[in-house]
Protein backbone atom coordinates (compact mmCIF):
# COMPACT_ATOMS: atom_id res chain seq x y z
CA MET A 1 -0.28 -0.13 -0.05
CA ARG A 2 3.06 2.51 0.65
CA LEU A 3 4.39 1.57 -2.50
CA PHE A 4 0.97 2.48 -4.30
CA TRP A 5 1.02 6.45 -2.35
CA VAL A 6 4.70 6.99 -3.10
CA THR A 7 4.17 6.10 -6.53
CA ALA A 8 1.05 8.42 -6.58
CA LEU A 9 3.14 11.23 -4.77
CA ALA A 10 5.69 10.80 -8.00
CA MET A 11 2.84 10.54 -10.88
CA ALA A 12 1.15 13.38 -8.81
CA ALA A 13 4.51 15.55 -9.32
CA PHE A 14 4.80 14.76 -13.20
CA ALA A 15 1.64 15.90 -13.83
CA ALA A 16 2.18 19.02 -11.90
CA ASN A 17 5.06 19.75 -14.42
CA SER A 18 2.86 19.63 -17.42
CA VAL A 19 0.17 22.03 -15.58
CA LEU A 20 3.30 24.39 -14.45
CA ASN A 21 4.23 24.10 -18.19
CA ARG A 22 1.19 25.13 -19.72
CA MET A 23 0.62 27.95 -16.97
CA ALA A 24 4.09 29.81 -17.51
CA VAL A 25 4.10 29.64 -21.71
CA ALA A 26 -0.15 29.96 -22.01
CA GLN A 27 -0.80 32.29 -18.91
CA PHE A 28 2.49 34.28 -18.89
CA GLY A 29 3.90 34.04 -22.09
CA MET A 30 7.28 31.96 -21.51
CA ASP A 31 9.24 30.85 -24.35
CA ALA A 32 8.90 27.03 -24.08
CA LEU A 33 12.94 26.12 -24.27
CA ASP A 34 13.40 29.06 -22.20
CA PHE A 35 11.26 27.27 -19.68
CA ALA A 36 13.00 23.78 -20.07
CA VAL A 37 16.44 25.94 -19.50
CA LEU A 38 15.40 27.06 -16.35
CA ARG A 39 13.70 24.08 -15.05
CA LEU A 40 16.72 22.20 -15.30
CA LEU A 41 18.87 24.65 -13.56
CA PHE A 42 16.76 25.03 -10.91
CA GLY A 43 16.56 21.34 -10.35
CA ALA A 44 20.19 20.90 -10.79
CA LEU A 45 20.63 23.79 -7.85
CA ALA A 46 17.98 22.34 -5.44
CA LEU A 47 19.64 18.60 -5.77
CA ALA A 48 22.71 19.80 -5.24
CA LEU A 49 22.27 21.60 -2.16
CA LEU A 50 19.81 18.60 -1.06
CA VAL A 51 23.17 16.07 -1.44
CA LEU A 52 25.24 18.31 0.24
CA ALA A 53 23.11 19.45 3.11
CA ARG A 54 22.86 15.75 4.36
CA GLY A 55 26.59 15.42 4.85
CA ARG A 56 27.65 12.80 2.21
CA ALA A 57 27.94 14.22 -0.91
CA VAL A 58 29.29 10.93 -2.47
CA TRP A 59 29.75 10.47 -6.14
CA PRO A 60 26.84 7.92 -7.19
CA GLY A 61 29.32 6.28 -10.09
CA TRP A 62 29.35 6.56 -13.69
CA ALA A 63 26.98 3.22 -14.02
CA GLY A 64 23.79 4.71 -15.34
CA ARG A 65 25.25 8.50 -15.79
CA ALA A 66 25.17 8.63 -19.88
CA PRO A 67 21.87 7.20 -20.43
CA GLY A 68 20.19 9.23 -18.04
CA VAL A 69 21.91 12.49 -18.88
CA ILE A 70 20.84 11.86 -22.26
CA GLY A 71 17.63 10.48 -21.57
CA LEU A 72 16.75 13.43 -19.72
CA LEU A 73 18.19 16.06 -21.97
CA LEU A 74 16.22 14.05 -24.88
CA TYR A 75 12.86 14.46 -23.02
CA LEU A 76 13.29 18.19 -21.85
CA VAL A 77 14.36 19.48 -25.38
CA GLY A 78 12.10 16.97 -27.25
CA PHE A 79 9.07 18.11 -24.74
CA SER A 80 9.48 21.56 -24.90
CA LEU A 81 9.71 21.90 -29.11
CA ALA A 82 6.77 19.59 -29.55
CA TYR A 83 4.72 21.53 -27.65
CA VAL A 84 5.30 24.57 -29.84
CA ASP A 85 3.15 23.25 -32.40
CA LEU A 86 1.67 19.88 -31.02
CA ALA A 87 -1.62 19.69 -29.40
CA ALA A 88 -1.65 18.67 -26.05
CA GLY A 89 -3.74 15.64 -25.76
CA VAL A 90 -1.90 14.11 -29.18
CA GLY A 91 1.35 14.99 -27.06
CA ALA A 92 0.08 13.05 -24.19
CA LEU A 93 -0.64 10.21 -26.24
CA VAL A 94 2.75 10.37 -28.09
CA LEU A 95 4.52 10.76 -25.10
CA PHE A 96 3.35 8.24 -22.89
CA GLY A 97 2.55 5.60 -25.37
CA MET A 98 6.53 5.97 -26.23
CA VAL A 99 7.60 5.86 -22.62
CA GLN A 100 5.27 2.73 -22.55
CA VAL A 101 6.90 1.38 -25.35
CA THR A 102 10.60 1.77 -24.03
CA MET A 103 10.21 0.54 -20.78
CA PHE A 104 8.22 -2.77 -21.91
CA CYS A 105 10.89 -2.90 -24.57
CA GLY A 106 13.68 -2.62 -21.78
CA ALA A 107 11.99 -4.95 -19.34
CA CYS A 108 12.18 -7.53 -22.32
CA MET A 109 15.59 -6.85 -22.90
CA ALA A 110 16.62 -7.48 -19.37
CA GLY A 111 15.23 -10.51 -18.89
CA GLU A 112 12.09 -9.38 -16.64
CA ARG A 113 9.15 -11.45 -16.36
CA VAL A 114 6.18 -9.80 -17.59
CA PRO A 115 2.95 -11.38 -16.27
CA VAL A 116 -0.04 -11.75 -18.21
CA LEU A 117 -2.14 -9.66 -16.20
CA ARG A 118 0.22 -6.74 -16.15
CA TRP A 119 0.56 -6.84 -20.22
CA LEU A 120 -3.90 -6.67 -19.88
CA GLY A 121 -3.69 -3.88 -17.73
CA ALA A 122 -1.09 -1.92 -19.95
CA ALA A 123 -3.19 -2.62 -22.90
CA LEU A 124 -5.97 -1.50 -21.01
CA ALA A 125 -4.47 1.72 -19.99
CA PHE A 126 -3.55 2.81 -23.01
CA ALA A 127 -7.14 1.88 -24.86
CA GLY A 128 -8.21 4.35 -22.58
CA LEU A 129 -5.89 7.00 -23.63
CA VAL A 130 -6.09 6.71 -27.11
CA TRP A 131 -9.70 7.10 -26.42
CA LEU A 132 -9.31 10.17 -24.22
CA VAL A 133 -6.59 12.16 -26.60
CA SER A 134 -7.19 10.37 -30.00
CA PRO A 135 -7.09 13.49 -32.58
CA ALA A 136 -10.42 12.15 -34.19
CA GLY A 137 -9.23 12.51 -38.01
CA GLN A 138 -7.48 15.62 -37.56
CA ALA A 139 -4.18 15.76 -39.04
CA VAL A 140 -0.91 15.31 -37.01
CA ALA A 141 2.18 17.17 -37.95
CA VAL A 142 4.84 14.66 -38.39
CA GLN A 143 8.08 17.02 -37.10
CA PRO A 144 6.38 17.79 -33.65
CA ALA A 145 5.17 14.55 -33.13
CA LEU A 146 8.40 12.71 -33.57
CA LEU A 147 10.15 15.20 -31.25
CA MET A 148 7.44 14.39 -28.76
CA ALA A 149 8.11 10.20 -29.68
CA ALA A 150 12.02 11.45 -28.71
CA ALA A 151 10.92 12.85 -25.40
CA GLY A 152 8.90 9.56 -24.68
CA ILE A 153 12.07 7.80 -25.51
CA GLY A 154 14.19 10.11 -23.79
CA TRP A 155 11.75 9.21 -20.57
CA GLY A 156 12.02 5.69 -20.87
CA VAL A 157 15.72 5.82 -20.78
CA TYR A 158 15.80 8.16 -17.83
CA SER A 159 13.70 5.56 -15.92
CA LEU A 160 15.56 2.59 -16.99
CA ALA A 161 18.68 3.76 -15.96
CA GLY A 162 17.70 4.66 -12.71
CA ARG A 163 16.77 0.84 -11.69
CA GLY A 164 20.35 0.53 -10.28
CA ALA A 165 20.70 3.71 -8.41
CA ARG A 166 21.67 2.61 -5.10
CA ASP A 167 21.45 6.34 -4.00
CA PRO A 168 18.54 7.36 -5.81
CA LEU A 169 19.26 11.63 -4.59
CA ALA A 170 22.98 11.19 -5.74
CA ALA A 171 22.21 9.90 -8.82
CA THR A 172 19.48 11.90 -9.27
CA ALA A 173 21.77 14.93 -8.60
CA ALA A 174 24.50 13.62 -10.66
CA ASN A 175 22.16 13.60 -13.81
CA PHE A 176 20.67 17.01 -13.54
CA CYS A 177 24.37 18.66 -12.71
CA LEU A 178 25.93 17.17 -15.82
CA ALA A 179 23.34 17.94 -18.40
CA VAL A 180 23.50 21.45 -17.19
CA PRO A 181 26.62 22.36 -19.40
CA VAL A 182 24.41 21.09 -22.32
CA MET A 183 21.42 23.25 -21.50
CA LEU A 184 23.48 26.40 -20.89
CA ILE A 185 24.92 26.38 -24.40
CA VAL A 186 21.06 25.71 -25.72
CA ALA A 187 20.65 28.87 -23.31
CA LEU A 188 23.30 30.90 -24.35
CA TRP A 189 21.88 30.20 -28.27
CA ARG A 190 18.50 30.78 -27.29
CA LEU A 191 17.63 32.54 -23.96
CA ASP A 192 16.14 35.44 -24.06
CA VAL A 193 16.57 36.91 -20.49
CA GLY A 194 14.58 40.13 -21.65
CA ALA A 195 11.24 38.43 -21.99
CA LEU A 196 11.43 36.40 -18.97
CA THR A 197 8.69 37.26 -16.60
CA LEU A 198 8.55 36.99 -12.96
CA ALA A 199 5.80 34.80 -12.76
CA GLY A 200 7.12 32.36 -15.76
CA VAL A 201 10.39 32.02 -13.65
CA ALA A 202 8.72 31.33 -10.60
CA LEU A 203 6.77 28.53 -12.33
CA ALA A 204 10.01 27.00 -13.80
CA ALA A 205 11.53 26.98 -10.35
CA LEU A 206 8.91 25.64 -8.92
CA SER A 207 8.63 22.85 -11.82
CA GLY A 208 12.77 22.38 -11.43
CA ALA A 209 13.17 22.74 -7.67
CA VAL A 210 10.38 20.28 -6.33
CA MET A 211 8.29 18.95 -9.37
CA SER A 212 11.39 17.86 -11.40
CA GLY A 213 14.50 17.67 -9.04
CA LEU A 214 12.69 16.02 -5.98
CA GLY A 215 9.67 14.13 -7.79
CA TYR A 216 12.85 12.47 -10.34
CA ALA A 217 14.80 11.54 -6.96
CA LEU A 218 11.87 9.75 -5.41
CA TRP A 219 10.92 8.03 -9.09
CA TYR A 220 14.27 7.13 -8.98
CA ALA A 221 14.06 5.45 -5.41
CA ILE A 222 10.39 3.46 -6.60
CA VAL A 223 11.52 2.42 -10.12
CA PRO A 224 13.36 -0.79 -8.98
CA ARG A 225 10.30 -1.99 -7.00
CA LEU A 226 8.27 -1.49 -9.45
CA GLY A 227 9.58 -2.94 -12.25
CA ALA A 228 10.51 -1.39 -15.84
CA SER A 229 7.04 -2.89 -17.11
CA ARG A 230 4.80 -1.57 -13.67
CA ALA A 231 6.64 1.82 -13.95
CA GLY A 232 5.62 2.23 -17.80
CA VAL A 233 2.15 1.37 -16.53
CA ALA A 234 2.29 3.55 -13.82
CA GLN A 235 2.97 6.38 -15.93
CA LEU A 236 -0.29 6.23 -18.13
CA SER A 237 -2.09 7.92 -15.27
CA VAL A 238 -0.24 11.06 -15.72
CA PRO A 239 -2.64 12.79 -18.09
CA ILE A 240 -5.61 11.88 -16.64
CA LEU A 241 -4.49 13.55 -13.22
CA ALA A 242 -2.76 16.31 -15.54
CA ALA A 243 -6.32 16.88 -17.02
CA ILE A 244 -7.43 17.20 -13.34
CA ALA A 245 -5.34 19.33 -12.56
CA GLY A 246 -6.02 21.45 -15.61
CA ALA A 247 -9.55 21.77 -15.10
CA LEU A 248 -8.99 23.04 -11.48
CA LEU A 249 -6.05 25.49 -12.23
CA LEU A 250 -6.63 26.24 -15.68
CA GLY A 251 -10.99 26.21 -16.13
CA GLU A 252 -9.91 23.29 -18.75
CA PRO A 253 -13.11 21.42 -19.84
CA LEU A 254 -14.28 18.22 -18.24
CA THR A 255 -16.40 15.70 -20.16
CA TRP A 256 -17.87 12.46 -20.53
CA ARG A 257 -15.30 11.21 -23.05
CA PHE A 258 -12.88 12.02 -20.00
CA ALA A 259 -14.81 10.22 -17.30
CA VAL A 260 -14.88 7.14 -19.27
CA ALA A 261 -11.44 7.48 -20.52
CA ALA A 262 -10.22 8.09 -16.52
CA PHE A 263 -11.80 4.96 -15.61
CA VAL A 264 -10.68 3.03 -17.96
CA VAL A 265 -7.02 4.08 -17.67
CA LEU A 266 -7.21 3.85 -13.62
CA GLY A 267 -8.45 0.48 -14.12
CA GLY A 268 -5.66 -0.74 -16.26
CA VAL A 269 -2.85 0.49 -14.00
CA GLY A 270 -4.78 -0.81 -11.21
CA LEU A 271 -5.01 -4.15 -13.04
CA ALA A 272 -1.30 -4.27 -13.82
CA SER A 273 -0.60 -3.31 -10.15
CA LEU A 274 -2.05 -6.50 -8.93
CA SER A 275 0.40 -8.55 -10.47
CA GLY A 276 2.73 -8.21 -8.02
CA ARG A 277 6.48 -7.01 -8.19
CA PRO A 278 9.01 -8.67 -10.79
CA ARG A 279 10.73 -11.63 -9.88
């Protein structure tokens, strides 16, 4: 039961990132890539301070660092650029669909046993997500869709890289800090300081320091207990949580279509969770 609530907290942090990003870009006119740059910088700073404050700033080793850093950067940049031209619903489908595919592939490559019940739960949850965000025959721009698919692969790789982390906080801090030099190059090329607003920077700080930094450290801590396949299924609940938060905080409408999809997706997540821990 404790694992369920800790997983729910991590998923809530992920959903909050979507809401904070939408709020900063849509309501306060912040550039999406600028938001990603600041989000990473604030996250790296918060995590570094936490590691130093606990009094044992031990280097977690190089194992998993390269996949973690590359996956993190791919997710942040792909996510930001894709949402310039991609509708939120379609983007969520592509992102979390690719996360699930990536983590299930990783589970199979690692020899993890995936019970039939978990496959059925994944299929049910994915079907509910398709029902919620299906484009209903509208054309989908290829380039933004590919960028979001890359973001989904990046987040899946990042999650898989965290399975062997002995010190989740130190590993997450290392990934963020190692990604900073690359993102600073992006900032020098792209960041328009004059266009930043206090509200946008504050939202980026909240997203980076709390929802991303602490949320990702928490995620690294529970992924080994969930297993790759079940962790991939759990993340399918994030669009549902983000939609609820968007309705409450941003006034986005909730329809009967959403209610049906929420029931199916969360039911699928629950079904997959019933299969127990991987052996």
